[in-house]
Protein backbone atom coordinates (compact mmCIF):
# COMPACT_ATOMS: atom_id res chain seq x y z
CA MET A 1 -69.65 76.58 -66.72
CA SER A 2 -66.32 75.19 -67.81
CA SER A 3 -63.21 76.44 -66.12
CA GLU A 4 -61.93 77.78 -69.45
CA ALA A 5 -65.17 79.63 -70.21
CA ASP A 6 -65.29 80.91 -66.65
CA ALA A 7 -61.76 82.30 -66.89
CA ILE A 8 -62.39 83.91 -70.28
CA VAL A 9 -65.68 85.52 -69.18
CA SER A 10 -64.19 86.67 -65.84
CA ALA A 11 -61.26 88.37 -67.64
CA ILE A 12 -63.57 90.18 -70.05
CA ILE A 13 -65.90 91.28 -67.24
CA ALA A 14 -62.90 92.69 -65.29
CA LYS A 15 -61.74 94.69 -68.30
CA TRP A 16 -65.33 95.80 -69.10
CA CYS A 17 -65.89 97.05 -65.52
CA ALA A 18 -62.56 98.86 -65.50
CA GLY A 19 -63.36 100.58 -68.80
CA PHE A 20 -66.86 101.50 -67.61
CA ALA A 21 -65.52 102.98 -64.39
CA THR A 22 -63.71 105.66 -66.49
CA LEU A 23 -66.18 105.61 -69.43
CA ASP A 24 -63.17 104.78 -71.63
CA ALA A 25 -64.85 104.17 -75.00
CA ALA A 26 -61.57 103.08 -76.66
CA ALA A 27 -60.83 100.50 -73.96
CA LEU A 28 -64.41 99.25 -73.99
CA SER A 29 -64.72 99.01 -77.76
CA SER A 30 -61.50 97.06 -77.93
CA LEU A 31 -63.27 94.24 -76.09
CA TYR A 32 -65.66 93.83 -79.05
CA ALA A 33 -65.35 91.98 -82.36
CA LYS A 34 -64.96 93.80 -85.62
CA ASN A 35 -68.51 92.92 -86.65
CA ALA A 36 -70.11 93.24 -83.20
CA PHE A 37 -73.82 93.95 -82.67
CA PHE A 38 -74.52 96.04 -79.59
CA PHE A 39 -77.91 96.75 -78.01
CA GLY A 40 -77.32 98.90 -74.91
CA SER A 41 -79.69 101.01 -72.89
CA ASN A 42 -81.38 102.75 -75.83
CA PRO A 43 -83.30 101.32 -78.82
CA ARG A 44 -80.50 101.79 -81.39
CA LEU A 45 -78.44 98.89 -82.70
CA TYR A 46 -74.74 99.85 -82.75
CA ARG A 47 -72.44 97.96 -85.10
CA GLY A 48 -68.73 97.25 -84.97
CA ARG A 49 -66.11 98.73 -82.68
CA ASP A 50 -66.82 102.26 -83.94
CA GLY A 51 -70.47 101.79 -83.06
CA VAL A 52 -69.60 100.54 -79.58
CA ALA A 53 -67.31 103.57 -79.08
CA ASP A 54 -70.13 105.88 -80.26
CA TYR A 55 -72.47 104.32 -77.68
CA PHE A 56 -70.06 104.79 -74.76
CA ASN A 57 -69.01 108.27 -75.91
CA GLY A 58 -72.68 109.22 -75.98
CA LEU A 59 -73.30 108.32 -72.34
CA PRO A 60 -73.51 111.11 -69.72
CA ARG A 61 -70.16 111.83 -68.12
CA TRP A 62 -70.89 110.48 -64.65
CA ARG A 63 -68.21 111.16 -62.07
CA GLN A 64 -67.96 107.68 -60.55
CA PRO A 65 -69.79 105.08 -62.58
CA SER A 66 -69.49 101.45 -61.61
CA ALA A 67 -70.92 98.15 -62.76
CA ALA A 68 -71.13 94.90 -60.87
CA PHE A 69 -71.95 91.56 -62.52
CA SER A 70 -73.82 88.87 -60.60
CA ASP A 71 -75.54 85.57 -61.41
CA VAL A 72 -73.03 85.11 -64.24
CA GLN A 73 -73.72 82.03 -66.37
CA ALA A 74 -71.36 80.97 -69.15
CA ALA A 75 -71.44 78.04 -71.56
CA GLN A 76 -68.91 76.99 -74.15
CA ALA A 77 -71.09 76.76 -77.25
CA GLY A 78 -68.26 75.61 -79.51
CA PRO A 79 -64.46 75.64 -79.63
CA ASP A 80 -64.44 79.35 -80.50
CA LEU A 81 -67.79 80.49 -79.02
CA ILE A 82 -69.02 81.24 -75.48
CA ASN A 83 -72.50 82.35 -74.35
CA MET A 84 -72.74 84.56 -71.25
CA GLY A 85 -75.71 85.85 -69.32
CA ALA A 86 -75.71 87.96 -66.15
CA ILE A 87 -77.38 90.58 -64.06
CA VAL A 88 -75.48 93.86 -64.11
CA SER A 89 -76.05 96.49 -61.43
CA PHE A 90 -75.02 100.04 -62.08
CA ASP A 91 -74.11 102.57 -59.40
CA LEU A 92 -73.72 106.12 -60.62
CA ALA A 93 -72.75 107.60 -57.22
CA GLY A 94 -76.00 109.42 -56.65
CA GLU A 95 -76.08 111.13 -60.05
CA ARG A 96 -78.87 108.72 -61.02
CA GLU A 97 -80.79 106.10 -59.10
CA GLU A 98 -79.07 102.69 -59.08
CA PHE A 99 -80.50 100.17 -61.51
CA SER A 100 -79.84 96.68 -62.82
CA VAL A 101 -80.41 94.98 -66.19
CA LYS A 102 -80.17 91.57 -67.80
CA MET A 103 -77.11 91.39 -70.05
CA SER A 104 -76.03 88.73 -72.49
CA TRP A 105 -72.90 88.39 -74.55
CA VAL A 106 -71.86 86.05 -77.32
CA ILE A 107 -68.06 85.85 -77.21
CA LEU A 108 -65.97 84.49 -80.06
CA ARG A 109 -62.30 83.87 -80.73
CA GLU A 110 -61.21 86.47 -83.30
CA ASP A 111 -57.58 86.80 -84.42
CA GLY A 112 -56.51 84.59 -81.49
CA ASP A 113 -58.24 86.71 -78.80
CA TRP A 114 -61.71 86.47 -77.22
CA LYS A 115 -64.06 89.28 -78.26
CA ILE A 116 -67.71 90.10 -77.65
CA VAL A 117 -69.59 89.72 -80.94
CA ASN A 118 -73.11 90.28 -79.58
CA HIS A 119 -74.06 92.45 -76.58
CA HIS A 120 -77.69 92.70 -75.50
CA VAL A 121 -79.21 94.54 -72.54
CA SER A 122 -82.83 94.24 -71.48
CA SER A 123 -85.00 95.24 -68.57
CA ARG A 124 -85.44 93.03 -65.58
CA ASP A 125 -89.11 94.00 -65.46
CA PRO A 126 -91.49 91.46 -67.00
CA MET A 127 -92.84 92.51 -70.37
CA ILE A 128 -95.71 89.96 -70.51
């Protein structure tokens, strides 16, 4: 991963984790592009910042949610495009059993800032 891509992805991850820790839908949705596609932990496709906010506002109000990213891989796919894939582990402070997922983002430069344009979560369990 290039140092620039690494720095961009690390900054977004830090903001994402901070927003998730307080379930701040406005802060989280601000990390996404205007025309973002978002597949989270349910089957519905959420679109745009309003859709991302709807997703996070619809989550249970856990008291102390946290997310930790590991095995982060990033690749500059073009001058204004970065691919990211990682394992994300969620700890909901005993309100639900801990779990982890595969997460991928496509990040693009939009209006001079880096935004997530595609967010996809999938199970770590083999499907085939």
